[in-house]
Each structure stands twice: as structure tokens, then as C-alpha cells.
């Protein structure tokens, strides 16, 4: 099992006002759907899964929002792919190992894009950035 493709399909960022006082940023990833994907890798056609998602960052109190839609393509054995699809259609549940891999891929790509596009409209980063606590003299 492995991620073989990742595509952004829609990116929207909006700054509605300048924040006054404290802010709260809520990040969320929602899996919209999982479907079968026939992947042509080399000369062989292989089974895969297409995960469609929506990543959001809501800046509260209501001064900005970010939304990113996309899809992740995962290479998987046909038997396992069919099991995943069956579980998704029945209960919207996915095998933990597969979901962890997909969610980590989504978070990695979306967090980087979010940092870039929110900076361009003047919103603070949606995740804490590293900072130097106190710089001392070097010897």
C-alpha cells in the first residue's frame, strides 16, 4: 500500500476582517468519499483507491477561512481495496493503517500549501511555527 498520486482540485482562502484581540484557529480534514481507481503504472493496470477530501482552517472569531479540496490515489491489492470500499460504503470506516497513511499525506501537503496561501492574504499561519526562545551569546 502506498500513495502514488496527490492532486489539489480547489483552493480557497479569504480574509474577512482584521482580528481584534485573541484568535482561535480550527483545522479539520474531512474524507468526502472513497472510490475505486484503476491505475496504469507502467504496462500493468493495478488496483487502487481514490480518497477525496476537504481540509479547512477556520479563523475565529470569523475573520478568515481556508478550504482545500483534493484527492489522494493509493495503490492497493484488489482484495484489500474491495474490503476498504465495502467498509466505507457500509459505515464510512477505513482500515486504521490505510487511513493513517492517507491522512498524514493530506496533512503534509495541505499544511505547506496553507502556510503559503494564508501568508499571501495576511492571515496568521494555521499551525504554530518554530521560534527561538532566547538567544544567548555564542562562545
C-alpha atoms as a PDB file:
ATOM      1  CA  UNK A   1       0.000   0.000   0.000  1.00  0.00           C
ATOM      2  CA  UNK A   2       1.316   3.382  -0.870  1.00  0.00           C
ATOM      3  CA  UNK A   3       0.328   6.836  -2.041  1.00  0.00           C
ATOM      4  CA  UNK A   4       1.046   7.126  -5.753  1.00  0.00           C
ATOM      5  CA  UNK A   5      -0.763  10.363  -6.542  1.00  0.00           C
ATOM      6  CA  UNK A   6      -1.926  13.578  -4.893  1.00  0.00           C
ATOM      7  CA  UNK A   7      -3.905  16.383  -6.538  1.00  0.00           C
ATOM      8  CA  UNK A   8      -5.393  19.627  -5.311  1.00  0.00           C
ATOM      9  CA  UNK A   9      -8.731  20.307  -7.010  1.00  0.00           C
ATOM     10  CA  UNK A  10      -9.771  23.551  -5.301  1.00  0.00           C
ATOM     11  CA  UNK A  11      -8.095  26.116  -3.045  1.00  0.00           C
ATOM     12  CA  UNK A  12      -9.982  28.992  -1.450  1.00  0.00           C
ATOM     13  CA  UNK A  13      -8.697  31.480   1.124  1.00  0.00           C
ATOM     14  CA  UNK A  14     -10.460  34.567   2.409  1.00  0.00           C
ATOM     15  CA  UNK A  15      -9.587  37.292   4.914  1.00  0.00           C
ATOM     16  CA  UNK A  16     -12.840  38.909   6.005  1.00  0.00           C
ATOM     17  CA  UNK A  17     -11.527  41.385   8.587  1.00  0.00           C
ATOM     18  CA  UNK A  18      -8.573  42.261  10.807  1.00  0.00           C
ATOM     19  CA  UNK A  19      -8.615  40.314  14.067  1.00  0.00           C
ATOM     20  CA  UNK A  20      -9.191  42.234  17.286  1.00  0.00           C
ATOM     21  CA  UNK A  21      -7.751  40.512  20.358  1.00  0.00           C
ATOM     22  CA  UNK A  22      -7.218  36.772  20.655  1.00  0.00           C
ATOM     23  CA  UNK A  23      -7.765  34.367  17.802  1.00  0.00           C
ATOM     24  CA  UNK A  24      -8.532  30.683  17.565  1.00  0.00           C
ATOM     25  CA  UNK A  25      -7.745  28.578  14.509  1.00  0.00           C
ATOM     26  CA  UNK A  26      -9.560  25.283  13.979  1.00  0.00           C
ATOM     27  CA  UNK A  27      -8.058  22.882  11.415  1.00  0.00           C
ATOM     28  CA  UNK A  28     -10.038  19.905  10.138  1.00  0.00           C
ATOM     29  CA  UNK A  29      -9.818  17.206   7.470  1.00  0.00           C
ATOM     30  CA  UNK A  30     -12.990  15.570   6.205  1.00  0.00           C
ATOM     31  CA  UNK A  31     -12.950  12.498   3.989  1.00  0.00           C
ATOM     32  CA  UNK A  32     -15.670  13.103   1.395  1.00  0.00           C
ATOM     33  CA  UNK A  33     -15.592   9.819  -0.482  1.00  0.00           C
ATOM     34  CA  UNK A  34     -13.541   6.765  -1.338  1.00  0.00           C
ATOM     35  CA  UNK A  35     -13.804   5.112  -4.730  1.00  0.00           C
ATOM     36  CA  UNK A  36     -12.070   2.580  -6.891  1.00  0.00           C
ATOM     37  CA  UNK A  37      -9.273   3.816  -9.127  1.00  0.00           C
ATOM     38  CA  UNK A  38      -7.712   1.730 -11.883  1.00  0.00           C
ATOM     39  CA  UNK A  39      -4.096   2.825 -12.057  1.00  0.00           C
ATOM     40  CA  UNK A  40      -1.898   2.384 -15.112  1.00  0.00           C
ATOM     41  CA  UNK A  41       1.616   2.081 -13.770  1.00  0.00           C
ATOM     42  CA  UNK A  42       3.989   1.002 -16.478  1.00  0.00           C
ATOM     43  CA  UNK A  43       2.403  -1.628 -18.707  1.00  0.00           C
ATOM     44  CA  UNK A  44       0.258  -3.170 -15.997  1.00  0.00           C
ATOM     45  CA  UNK A  45      -3.141  -1.999 -14.800  1.00  0.00           C
ATOM     46  CA  UNK A  46      -3.292  -2.126 -10.996  1.00  0.00           C
ATOM     47  CA  UNK A  47      -5.996  -1.683  -8.368  1.00  0.00           C
ATOM     48  CA  UNK A  48      -6.147   1.460  -6.365  1.00  0.00           C
ATOM     49  CA  UNK A  49      -8.331   3.723  -4.281  1.00  0.00           C
ATOM     50  CA  UNK A  50      -9.219   7.389  -4.739  1.00  0.00           C
ATOM     51  CA  UNK A  51      -9.755   9.314  -1.493  1.00  0.00           C
ATOM     52  CA  UNK A  52     -11.394  12.735  -1.926  1.00  0.00           C
ATOM     53  CA  UNK A  53     -11.045  15.171   0.971  1.00  0.00           C
ATOM     54  CA  UNK A  54     -11.646  18.683   2.249  1.00  0.00           C
ATOM     55  CA  UNK A  55      -9.096  20.417   4.509  1.00  0.00           C
ATOM     56  CA  UNK A  56     -10.259  23.540   6.340  1.00  0.00           C
ATOM     57  CA  UNK A  57      -8.849  26.181   8.642  1.00  0.00           C
ATOM     58  CA  UNK A  58     -11.412  28.426  10.325  1.00  0.00           C
ATOM     59  CA  UNK A  59     -10.091  31.593  11.921  1.00  0.00           C
ATOM     60  CA  UNK A  60     -12.290  32.688  14.806  1.00  0.00           C
ATOM     61  CA  UNK A  61     -13.893  34.968  15.599  1.00  0.00           C
ATOM     62  CA  UNK A  62     -14.914  34.806  11.912  1.00  0.00           C
ATOM     63  CA  UNK A  63     -12.125  36.798  10.307  1.00  0.00           C
ATOM     64  CA  UNK A  64     -10.759  34.276   7.841  1.00  0.00           C
ATOM     65  CA  UNK A  65     -11.143  30.855   6.319  1.00  0.00           C
ATOM     66  CA  UNK A  66      -9.216  28.430   4.174  1.00  0.00           C
ATOM     67  CA  UNK A  67     -10.593  25.464   2.256  1.00  0.00           C
ATOM     68  CA  UNK A  68      -8.599  22.964   0.190  1.00  0.00           C
ATOM     69  CA  UNK A  69     -10.180  20.118  -1.783  1.00  0.00           C
ATOM     70  CA  UNK A  70      -8.167  17.320  -3.279  1.00  0.00           C
ATOM     71  CA  UNK A  71      -7.697  13.656  -3.924  1.00  0.00           C
ATOM     72  CA  UNK A  72      -5.184  11.013  -2.911  1.00  0.00           C
ATOM     73  CA  UNK A  73      -4.511   7.944  -5.054  1.00  0.00           C
ATOM     74  CA  UNK A  74      -3.424   4.831  -3.198  1.00  0.00           C
ATOM     75  CA  UNK A  75      -2.062   1.640  -4.715  1.00  0.00           C
ATOM     76  CA  UNK A  76      -3.626  -1.390  -3.034  1.00  0.00           C
ATOM     77  CA  UNK A  77      -4.152  -5.085  -3.729  1.00  0.00           C
ATOM     78  CA  UNK A  78      -7.565  -5.674  -5.303  1.00  0.00           C
ATOM     79  CA  UNK A  79      -8.844  -7.822  -2.440  1.00  0.00           C
ATOM     80  CA  UNK A  80      -7.856  -5.218   0.175  1.00  0.00           C
ATOM     81  CA  UNK A  81      -9.221  -2.366  -1.980  1.00  0.00           C
ATOM     82  CA  UNK A  82     -12.598  -4.125  -2.200  1.00  0.00           C
ATOM     83  CA  UNK A  83     -12.648  -4.624   1.592  1.00  0.00           C
ATOM     84  CA  UNK A  84     -11.916  -0.936   2.141  1.00  0.00           C
ATOM     85  CA  UNK A  85     -14.689   0.105  -0.268  1.00  0.00           C
ATOM     86  CA  UNK A  86     -17.176  -2.255   1.352  1.00  0.00           C
ATOM     87  CA  UNK A  87     -16.411  -0.922   4.863  1.00  0.00           C
ATOM     88  CA  UNK A  88     -16.604   2.690   3.638  1.00  0.00           C
ATOM     89  CA  UNK A  89     -19.983   2.200   1.953  1.00  0.00           C
ATOM     90  CA  UNK A  90     -21.401   0.348   4.995  1.00  0.00           C
ATOM     91  CA  UNK A  91     -20.162   2.558   7.866  1.00  0.00           C
ATOM     92  CA  UNK A  92     -17.828   5.183   6.399  1.00  0.00           C
ATOM     93  CA  UNK A  93     -14.960   3.449   8.193  1.00  0.00           C
ATOM     94  CA  UNK A  94     -11.479   2.722   6.846  1.00  0.00           C
ATOM     95  CA  UNK A  95      -8.676   0.420   7.996  1.00  0.00           C
ATOM     96  CA  UNK A  96      -6.553   2.361  10.510  1.00  0.00           C
ATOM     97  CA  UNK A  97      -3.217   1.742   8.772  1.00  0.00           C
ATOM     98  CA  UNK A  98      -4.512   2.946   5.404  1.00  0.00           C
ATOM     99  CA  UNK A  99      -6.312   5.961   6.894  1.00  0.00           C
ATOM    100  CA  UNK A 100      -3.237   6.997   8.910  1.00  0.00           C
ATOM    101  CA  UNK A 101      -1.098   6.905   5.759  1.00  0.00           C
ATOM    102  CA  UNK A 102      -3.652   8.888   3.733  1.00  0.00           C
ATOM    103  CA  UNK A 103      -4.305  11.456   6.485  1.00  0.00           C
ATOM    104  CA  UNK A 104      -0.574  12.022   7.045  1.00  0.00           C
ATOM    105  CA  UNK A 105      -0.145  12.633   3.300  1.00  0.00           C
ATOM    106  CA  UNK A 106      -3.065  15.095   3.302  1.00  0.00           C
ATOM    107  CA  UNK A 107      -1.803  16.956   6.359  1.00  0.00           C
ATOM    108  CA  UNK A 108       1.734  17.193   4.989  1.00  0.00           C
ATOM    109  CA  UNK A 109       0.704  18.650   1.621  1.00  0.00           C
ATOM    110  CA  UNK A 110      -2.148  20.841   2.876  1.00  0.00           C
ATOM    111  CA  UNK A 111      -0.202  22.355   5.766  1.00  0.00           C
ATOM    112  CA  UNK A 112       2.549  23.535   3.436  1.00  0.00           C
ATOM    113  CA  UNK A 113       0.055  24.988   0.944  1.00  0.00           C
ATOM    114  CA  UNK A 114      -1.940  26.590   3.780  1.00  0.00           C
ATOM    115  CA  UNK A 115       1.179  28.377   5.068  1.00  0.00           C
ATOM    116  CA  UNK A 116       1.818  29.842   1.625  1.00  0.00           C
ATOM    117  CA  UNK A 117      -1.693  30.986   0.685  1.00  0.00           C
ATOM    118  CA  UNK A 118      -2.647  32.356   4.113  1.00  0.00           C
ATOM    119  CA  UNK A 119       0.542  34.432   4.165  1.00  0.00           C
ATOM    120  CA  UNK A 120      -0.400  35.936   0.805  1.00  0.00           C
ATOM    121  CA  UNK A 121      -3.718  37.293   2.152  1.00  0.00           C
ATOM    122  CA  UNK A 122      -2.327  38.345   5.537  1.00  0.00           C
ATOM    123  CA  UNK A 123      -3.737  35.594   7.772  1.00  0.00           C
ATOM    124  CA  UNK A 124      -1.582  34.151  10.542  1.00  0.00           C
ATOM    125  CA  UNK A 125      -0.189  30.632   9.999  1.00  0.00           C
ATOM    126  CA  UNK A 126      -2.710  27.905  10.802  1.00  0.00           C
ATOM    127  CA  UNK A 127      -0.107  25.942  12.763  1.00  0.00           C
ATOM    128  CA  UNK A 128       2.457  27.142  15.314  1.00  0.00           C
ATOM    129  CA  UNK A 129       5.792  27.896  13.720  1.00  0.00           C
ATOM    130  CA  UNK A 130       9.103  27.219  15.488  1.00  0.00           C
ATOM    131  CA  UNK A 131      10.521  30.176  17.421  1.00  0.00           C
ATOM    132  CA  UNK A 132      13.754  30.893  19.219  1.00  0.00           C
ATOM    133  CA  UNK A 133      13.065  31.316  22.951  1.00  0.00           C
ATOM    134  CA  UNK A 134      16.083  33.358  23.959  1.00  0.00           C
ATOM    135  CA  UNK A 135      19.281  33.860  22.061  1.00  0.00           C
ATOM    136  CA  UNK A 136      22.418  33.813  24.176  1.00  0.00           C
ATOM    137  CA  UNK A 137      25.971  34.673  23.300  1.00  0.00           C
ATOM    138  CA  UNK A 138      27.872  32.013  21.456  1.00  0.00           C
ATOM    139  CA  UNK A 139      31.385  31.184  22.541  1.00  0.00           C
END
